[in-house]
Amino acid sequence: MAKIKQSLTNGTHTPLHKRTSQGGSRAKTSSMNKSFKHSFKKYRGQGR
């Protein structure tokens, strides 16, 4: 099989942060299921 030549002008891939509940600073609710959305607290701390 022939090797595919990668062009340098195409640019490099920049990874996007997935914003999960474990590693993200602020979790996104669009990727959660219903039970996780229901129990999700936007602000964990004192007050509010």
C-alpha atoms as a PDB file:
ATOM      1  CA  MET A   1       0.000   0.000   0.000  1.00  0.00           C
ATOM      2  CA  ALA A   2       1.131   3.488  -0.774  1.00  0.00           C
ATOM      3  CA  LYS A   3       1.720   5.901   2.056  1.00  0.00           C
ATOM      4  CA  ILE A   4      -0.429   9.035   2.244  1.00  0.00           C
ATOM      5  CA  LYS A   5       1.605  12.205   2.061  1.00  0.00           C
ATOM      6  CA  GLN A   6       0.651  14.746   4.728  1.00  0.00           C
ATOM      7  CA  SER A   7       0.777  18.336   3.643  1.00  0.00           C
ATOM      8  CA  LEU A   8       2.320  20.858   6.003  1.00  0.00           C
ATOM      9  CA  THR A   9       0.165  23.701   4.689  1.00  0.00           C
ATOM     10  CA  ASN A  10      -3.004  22.062   6.054  1.00  0.00           C
ATOM     11  CA  GLY A  11      -2.151  23.074   9.636  1.00  0.00           C
ATOM     12  CA  THR A  12      -2.091  21.103  12.836  1.00  0.00           C
ATOM     13  CA  HIS A  13      -5.057  19.731  14.703  1.00  0.00           C
ATOM     14  CA  THR A  14      -5.970  21.804  17.764  1.00  0.00           C
ATOM     15  CA  PRO A  15      -7.802  19.664  20.338  1.00  0.00           C
ATOM     16  CA  LEU A  16     -10.936  21.111  21.917  1.00  0.00           C
ATOM     17  CA  HIS A  17     -11.723  20.679  25.603  1.00  0.00           C
ATOM     18  CA  LYS A  18     -14.688  18.340  26.002  1.00  0.00           C
ATOM     19  CA  ARG A  19     -16.044  19.945  29.208  1.00  0.00           C
ATOM     20  CA  THR A  20     -16.879  16.710  31.001  1.00  0.00           C
ATOM     21  CA  SER A  21     -18.091  16.673  34.593  1.00  0.00           C
ATOM     22  CA  GLN A  22     -14.847  15.070  35.783  1.00  0.00           C
ATOM     23  CA  GLY A  23     -12.206  17.177  34.081  1.00  0.00           C
ATOM     24  CA  GLY A  24     -13.953  20.306  32.876  1.00  0.00           C
ATOM     25  CA  SER A  25     -14.094  23.572  34.719  1.00  0.00           C
ATOM     26  CA  ARG A  26     -17.752  23.864  33.799  1.00  0.00           C
ATOM     27  CA  ALA A  27     -19.563  20.743  32.642  1.00  0.00           C
ATOM     28  CA  LYS A  28     -21.787  20.903  29.588  1.00  0.00           C
ATOM     29  CA  THR A  29     -25.295  19.572  30.045  1.00  0.00           C
ATOM     30  CA  SER A  30     -25.905  18.748  26.379  1.00  0.00           C
ATOM     31  CA  SER A  31     -23.835  15.577  26.631  1.00  0.00           C
ATOM     32  CA  MET A  32     -25.410  14.406  29.910  1.00  0.00           C
ATOM     33  CA  ASN A  33     -28.299  11.992  30.208  1.00  0.00           C
ATOM     34  CA  LYS A  34     -31.586  12.948  31.897  1.00  0.00           C
ATOM     35  CA  SER A  35     -30.735  11.760  35.380  1.00  0.00           C
ATOM     36  CA  PHE A  36     -27.386  13.550  35.390  1.00  0.00           C
ATOM     37  CA  LYS A  37     -29.026  16.775  34.185  1.00  0.00           C
ATOM     38  CA  HIS A  38     -31.670  16.490  36.893  1.00  0.00           C
ATOM     39  CA  SER A  39     -29.148  16.172  39.717  1.00  0.00           C
ATOM     40  CA  PHE A  40     -26.572  18.618  38.281  1.00  0.00           C
ATOM     41  CA  LYS A  41     -25.770  21.642  40.441  1.00  0.00           C
ATOM     42  CA  LYS A  42     -24.342  24.627  38.548  1.00  0.00           C
ATOM     43  CA  TYR A  43     -22.754  26.110  41.638  1.00  0.00           C
ATOM     44  CA  ARG A  44     -21.171  23.963  44.343  1.00  0.00           C
ATOM     45  CA  GLY A  45     -20.232  26.111  47.267  1.00  0.00           C
ATOM     46  CA  GLN A  46     -21.582  28.489  49.849  1.00  0.00           C
ATOM     47  CA  GLY A  47     -24.692  30.494  49.104  1.00  0.00           C
ATOM     48  CA  ARG A  48     -26.715  30.846  45.926  1.00  0.00           C
END
